[in-house]
Protein backbone atom coordinates (compact mmCIF):
# COMPACT_ATOMS: atom_id res chain seq x y z
CA UNK A 1 59.76 -87.47 8.32
CA UNK A 2 55.99 -87.10 8.80
CA UNK A 3 55.42 -83.67 7.27
CA UNK A 4 51.86 -83.36 8.60
CA UNK A 5 52.96 -83.23 12.24
CA UNK A 6 55.60 -80.48 11.84
CA UNK A 7 53.10 -78.48 9.79
CA UNK A 8 50.54 -78.75 12.54
CA UNK A 9 53.10 -77.74 15.17
CA UNK A 10 54.23 -74.88 12.98
CA UNK A 11 50.68 -73.67 12.57
CA UNK A 12 50.11 -73.71 16.31
CA UNK A 13 53.35 -71.82 16.93
CA UNK A 14 52.39 -69.20 14.37
CA UNK A 15 48.92 -68.80 15.93
CA UNK A 16 50.37 -68.25 19.39
CA UNK A 17 53.01 -65.83 18.10
CA UNK A 18 50.38 -63.80 16.28
CA UNK A 19 48.08 -63.90 19.30
CA UNK A 20 50.91 -62.36 21.35
CA UNK A 21 51.54 -59.82 18.56
CA UNK A 22 55.19 -60.76 18.18
CA UNK A 23 57.25 -60.83 15.02
CA UNK A 24 59.39 -63.87 14.25
CA UNK A 25 62.44 -61.83 15.23
CA UNK A 26 60.84 -60.79 18.53
CA UNK A 27 60.04 -64.38 19.47
CA UNK A 28 63.40 -65.68 18.28
CA UNK A 29 65.16 -63.21 20.57
CA UNK A 30 62.97 -64.17 23.53
CA UNK A 31 63.57 -67.89 22.97
CA UNK A 32 67.29 -67.61 22.18
CA UNK A 33 67.04 -68.94 18.64
CA UNK A 34 67.22 -67.45 15.14
CA UNK A 35 64.36 -65.94 13.18
CA UNK A 36 65.33 -68.19 10.27
CA UNK A 37 65.05 -71.35 12.37
CA UNK A 38 61.71 -70.16 13.77
CA UNK A 39 60.46 -69.54 10.24
CA UNK A 40 61.47 -73.07 9.26
CA UNK A 41 59.61 -74.48 12.26
CA UNK A 42 56.46 -72.51 11.46
CA UNK A 43 56.43 -73.61 7.82
CA UNK A 44 57.23 -77.25 8.60
CA UNK A 45 60.71 -77.22 7.01
CA UNK A 46 62.25 -78.00 10.43
CA UNK A 47 60.92 -80.14 13.25
CA UNK A 48 61.35 -78.44 16.62
CA UNK A 49 62.91 -80.41 19.46
CA UNK A 50 61.02 -80.98 22.70
CA UNK A 51 63.33 -78.55 24.49
CA UNK A 52 62.77 -75.91 21.81
CA UNK A 53 58.98 -76.25 22.08
CA UNK A 54 59.15 -75.79 25.83
CA UNK A 55 61.39 -72.72 25.40
CA UNK A 56 59.04 -71.20 22.86
CA UNK A 57 56.04 -72.00 25.06
CA UNK A 58 57.63 -70.20 28.00
CA UNK A 59 58.51 -67.19 25.84
CA UNK A 60 54.94 -67.05 24.54
CA UNK A 61 53.46 -67.54 28.02
CA UNK A 62 51.32 -70.39 26.73
CA UNK A 63 49.09 -72.02 29.39
CA UNK A 64 50.23 -75.47 30.52
CA UNK A 65 47.26 -77.24 28.92
CA UNK A 66 48.14 -75.78 25.52
CA UNK A 67 51.85 -76.51 26.02
CA UNK A 68 50.90 -80.19 26.27
CA UNK A 69 48.84 -79.83 23.08
CA UNK A 70 51.84 -78.34 21.31
CA UNK A 71 54.11 -81.18 22.43
CA UNK A 72 51.64 -83.89 21.42
CA UNK A 73 51.24 -82.28 18.00
CA UNK A 74 54.93 -83.01 17.49
CA UNK A 75 54.62 -86.59 18.82
CA UNK A 76 56.23 -85.77 22.16
CA UNK A 77 54.82 -86.83 25.52
CA UNK A 78 53.03 -84.16 27.57
CA UNK A 79 55.28 -82.32 29.99
CA UNK A 80 52.62 -81.45 32.56
CA UNK A 81 50.37 -83.75 34.54
CA UNK A 82 46.62 -83.07 34.68
CA UNK A 83 45.19 -84.21 38.00
CA UNK A 84 41.78 -84.39 39.58
CA UNK A 85 41.43 -82.09 42.56
CA UNK A 86 40.24 -85.13 44.55
CA UNK A 87 43.45 -87.09 43.87
CA UNK A 88 45.70 -87.92 46.82
CA UNK A 89 48.46 -86.14 44.91
CA UNK A 90 46.52 -82.89 45.44
CA UNK A 91 45.90 -83.28 49.19
CA UNK A 92 48.16 -80.35 50.13
CA UNK A 93 46.37 -78.15 47.59
CA UNK A 94 42.94 -79.06 48.97
CA UNK A 95 44.18 -78.26 52.46
CA UNK A 96 45.49 -74.88 51.33
CA UNK A 97 42.19 -74.06 49.63
CA UNK A 98 40.18 -75.04 52.71
CA UNK A 99 42.41 -72.88 54.88
CA UNK A 100 42.10 -69.85 52.60
CA UNK A 101 38.33 -70.11 52.24
CA UNK A 102 37.69 -70.60 55.96
CA UNK A 103 40.13 -67.89 57.03
CA UNK A 104 38.42 -65.39 54.73
CA UNK A 105 35.05 -65.70 56.47
CA UNK A 106 32.88 -63.76 57.18
CA UNK A 107 33.65 -62.46 53.70
CA UNK A 108 32.77 -64.52 50.60
CA UNK A 109 35.41 -66.52 48.71
CA UNK A 110 35.22 -69.03 45.90
CA UNK A 111 37.53 -71.36 43.94
CA UNK A 112 37.09 -71.45 40.15
CA UNK A 113 38.63 -73.33 37.23
CA UNK A 114 39.77 -71.93 33.89
CA UNK A 115 36.16 -71.75 32.63
CA UNK A 116 35.04 -69.92 35.78
CA UNK A 117 33.12 -72.93 37.03
CA UNK A 118 32.69 -72.81 40.80
CA UNK A 119 34.54 -75.70 42.44
CA UNK A 120 34.30 -74.67 46.07
CA UNK A 121 33.05 -71.79 48.18
CA UNK A 122 32.95 -70.77 51.82
CA UNK A 123 29.83 -70.31 53.94
CA UNK A 124 29.83 -66.55 53.39
CA UNK A 125 29.06 -67.17 49.70
CA UNK A 126 25.44 -67.71 50.75
CA UNK A 127 24.88 -63.95 50.61
CA UNK A 128 25.69 -64.04 46.87
CA UNK A 129 23.99 -67.36 46.12
CA UNK A 130 20.70 -66.62 47.89
CA UNK A 131 17.76 -67.09 45.56
CA UNK A 132 19.78 -68.52 42.66
CA UNK A 133 17.47 -71.00 40.83
CA UNK A 134 18.51 -74.66 40.42
CA UNK A 135 18.96 -74.41 36.63
CA UNK A 136 21.92 -72.06 37.18
CA UNK A 137 23.52 -74.43 39.68
CA UNK A 138 23.50 -77.58 37.52
CA UNK A 139 25.58 -79.33 36.36
CA UNK A 140 28.01 -76.80 37.85
CA UNK A 141 27.58 -73.13 38.78
CA UNK A 142 29.54 -70.70 36.66
CA UNK A 143 30.58 -67.22 37.82
CA UNK A 144 29.55 -65.48 34.59
CA UNK A 145 26.19 -67.23 34.36
CA UNK A 146 25.46 -66.66 38.06
CA UNK A 147 26.27 -62.96 37.75
CA UNK A 148 24.85 -61.99 34.35
CA UNK A 149 21.89 -64.33 33.77
CA UNK A 150 18.59 -62.47 34.38
CA UNK A 151 17.52 -65.23 36.79
CA UNK A 152 20.76 -64.94 38.74
CA UNK A 153 22.54 -62.21 40.63
CA UNK A 154 21.78 -59.72 37.82
CA UNK A 155 18.28 -59.15 39.20
CA UNK A 156 19.79 -57.95 42.50
CA UNK A 157 22.64 -55.80 41.20
CA UNK A 158 22.15 -52.07 41.64
CA UNK A 159 24.85 -51.44 39.02
CA UNK A 160 24.22 -54.26 36.55
CA UNK A 161 25.22 -52.10 33.57
CA UNK A 162 28.69 -51.41 34.98
CA UNK A 163 29.21 -55.00 36.13
CA UNK A 164 28.05 -56.46 32.82
CA UNK A 165 30.45 -54.26 30.84
CA UNK A 166 33.36 -55.10 33.16
CA UNK A 167 32.68 -58.86 33.14
CA UNK A 168 32.29 -59.10 29.38
CA UNK A 169 35.50 -57.11 28.80
CA UNK A 170 37.37 -59.37 31.22
CA UNK A 171 36.09 -62.54 29.59
CA UNK A 172 36.81 -61.31 26.07
CA UNK A 173 40.40 -60.46 27.04
CA UNK A 174 40.82 -64.00 28.36
CA UNK A 175 39.35 -65.46 25.16
CA UNK A 176 41.73 -63.43 23.02
CA UNK A 177 44.73 -64.27 25.21
CA UNK A 178 44.11 -68.04 25.27
CA UNK A 179 42.15 -68.83 22.12
CA UNK A 180 40.15 -71.28 24.28
CA UNK A 181 37.11 -72.53 22.33
CA UNK A 182 35.10 -73.26 25.49
CA UNK A 183 35.72 -69.77 26.85
CA UNK A 184 34.68 -68.33 23.49
CA UNK A 185 31.43 -70.31 23.64
CA UNK A 186 30.83 -69.02 27.17
CA UNK A 187 31.41 -65.44 25.98
CA UNK A 188 28.92 -65.87 23.14
CA UNK A 189 26.37 -67.22 25.60
CA UNK A 190 26.62 -64.62 28.35
CA UNK A 191 27.02 -61.66 26.00
CA UNK A 192 23.66 -62.71 24.55
CA UNK A 193 21.86 -62.31 27.86
CA UNK A 194 19.49 -59.31 27.92
CA UNK A 195 21.22 -56.01 28.56
CA UNK A 196 19.80 -53.85 31.37
CA UNK A 197 17.27 -51.21 30.45
CA UNK A 198 17.96 -47.76 31.86
CA UNK A 199 20.77 -46.45 33.99
CA UNK A 200 22.28 -47.99 37.09
CA UNK A 201 20.91 -46.84 40.44
CA UNK A 202 22.76 -43.91 42.04
CA UNK A 203 25.45 -45.07 44.42
CA UNK A 204 25.45 -44.24 48.12
CA UNK A 205 29.22 -44.79 48.17
CA UNK A 206 31.80 -42.00 48.34
CA UNK A 207 34.60 -42.00 45.73
CA UNK A 208 36.87 -45.03 46.06
CA UNK A 209 39.85 -46.62 44.25
CA UNK A 210 37.55 -49.42 43.01
CA UNK A 211 36.03 -48.48 39.67
CA UNK A 212 33.25 -51.09 39.55
CA UNK A 213 32.22 -52.67 42.86
CA UNK A 214 29.50 -55.29 43.20
CA UNK A 215 26.49 -53.42 44.61
CA UNK A 216 24.01 -56.07 45.73
CA UNK A 217 20.50 -55.34 46.95
CA UNK A 218 19.64 -57.54 49.93
CA UNK A 219 16.93 -57.55 52.66
CA UNK A 220 19.56 -55.97 54.93
CA UNK A 221 20.34 -53.11 52.55
CA UNK A 222 22.74 -52.60 49.67
CA UNK A 223 26.05 -54.41 50.14
CA UNK A 224 29.12 -53.14 48.27
CA UNK A 225 32.09 -55.43 47.64
CA UNK A 226 35.19 -55.72 45.50
CA UNK A 227 37.31 -58.79 44.79
CA UNK A 228 40.89 -59.89 44.29
CA UNK A 229 42.18 -63.01 42.53
CA UNK A 230 44.81 -65.38 43.91
CA UNK A 231 46.63 -68.13 42.00
CA UNK A 232 49.30 -70.71 42.85
CA UNK A 233 52.91 -69.84 42.12
CA UNK A 234 55.06 -72.00 39.82
CA UNK A 235 52.44 -74.69 39.08
CA UNK A 236 53.65 -77.92 37.42
CA UNK A 237 50.17 -79.44 37.07
CA UNK A 238 47.56 -78.34 34.51
CA UNK A 239 44.71 -78.44 37.05
CA UNK A 240 46.64 -76.39 39.59
CA UNK A 241 47.68 -73.85 36.96
CA UNK A 242 44.03 -73.30 36.06
CA UNK A 243 42.74 -72.79 39.61
CA UNK A 244 42.01 -69.32 40.93
CA UNK A 245 40.60 -68.11 44.24
CA UNK A 246 38.35 -65.04 44.15
CA UNK A 247 38.25 -63.24 47.49
CA UNK A 248 35.53 -60.65 48.14
CA UNK A 249 36.00 -57.73 50.54
CA UNK A 250 33.59 -55.11 51.90
CA UNK A 251 33.93 -51.67 50.40
CA UNK A 252 32.43 -49.86 53.39
CA UNK A 253 31.69 -50.31 57.09
CA UNK A 254 28.01 -51.01 56.50
CA UNK A 255 28.84 -54.02 54.30
CA UNK A 256 31.49 -55.29 56.71
CA UNK A 257 29.08 -55.09 59.66
CA UNK A 258 26.30 -56.79 57.66
CA UNK A 259 28.53 -59.67 56.60
CA UNK A 260 29.74 -60.19 60.18
CA UNK A 261 26.15 -60.13 61.45
CA UNK A 262 25.07 -62.66 58.83
CA UNK A 263 27.95 -64.96 59.76
CA UNK A 264 27.03 -64.72 63.46
CA UNK A 265 23.39 -65.52 62.69
CA UNK A 266 24.45 -68.66 60.78
CA UNK A 267 26.66 -69.80 63.67
CA UNK A 268 23.82 -69.32 66.15
CA UNK A 269 21.37 -71.50 64.20
């Protein structure tokens, strides 16, 4: 037996278990195995089967990309395909995305990958992207850079302090949950952007169930929006599992009317 491979697999299992704050007994119960067998797998004294690794991955809620990494560390073939969104295999997914984005107009909507890179947006996204300099759009726009960079949307946010705190907390939670090195690098970058000086501008909005809306200063007045995230159910492809659709909605009538007027103006040109 190659002892290096089981040791590597064991180390990865231990890292994921500790990241989820589970004891060996907790995980063993979730995966229908014994704590002793799990201990042997973590220390390299036992080599987990492919089926066992998939069971443990499901119990630990490991992302599909990292499940493949775990399998390959034990010399097993990956269980999940990783496609390009342009592949013919993904035609139905592209169609679904197009339908969702178009149907959401005149409100903004955007498709992002696991690193929050923007893959696709609808025409209503122009209200958020207006004035964004080219260096934030190449090689690929990123939601956190677009929002928090001083040359991006940050300069137009009436509540940058609130938004910055919310975005950094969200990204840090994702880093801690996934252990993704690229996400960690993104967090280090955007958390290093200059923090706003002074307090946020007073809000014109009445109390609402949304704690931190996006309050964007525009030539038409201050627009207030909140967003929801949508993902695909039961994905069996790494790319699909990592896609998310962020849908923005107006928080008041003024914003809804402004977005509809902007959409009508675009259609008339």
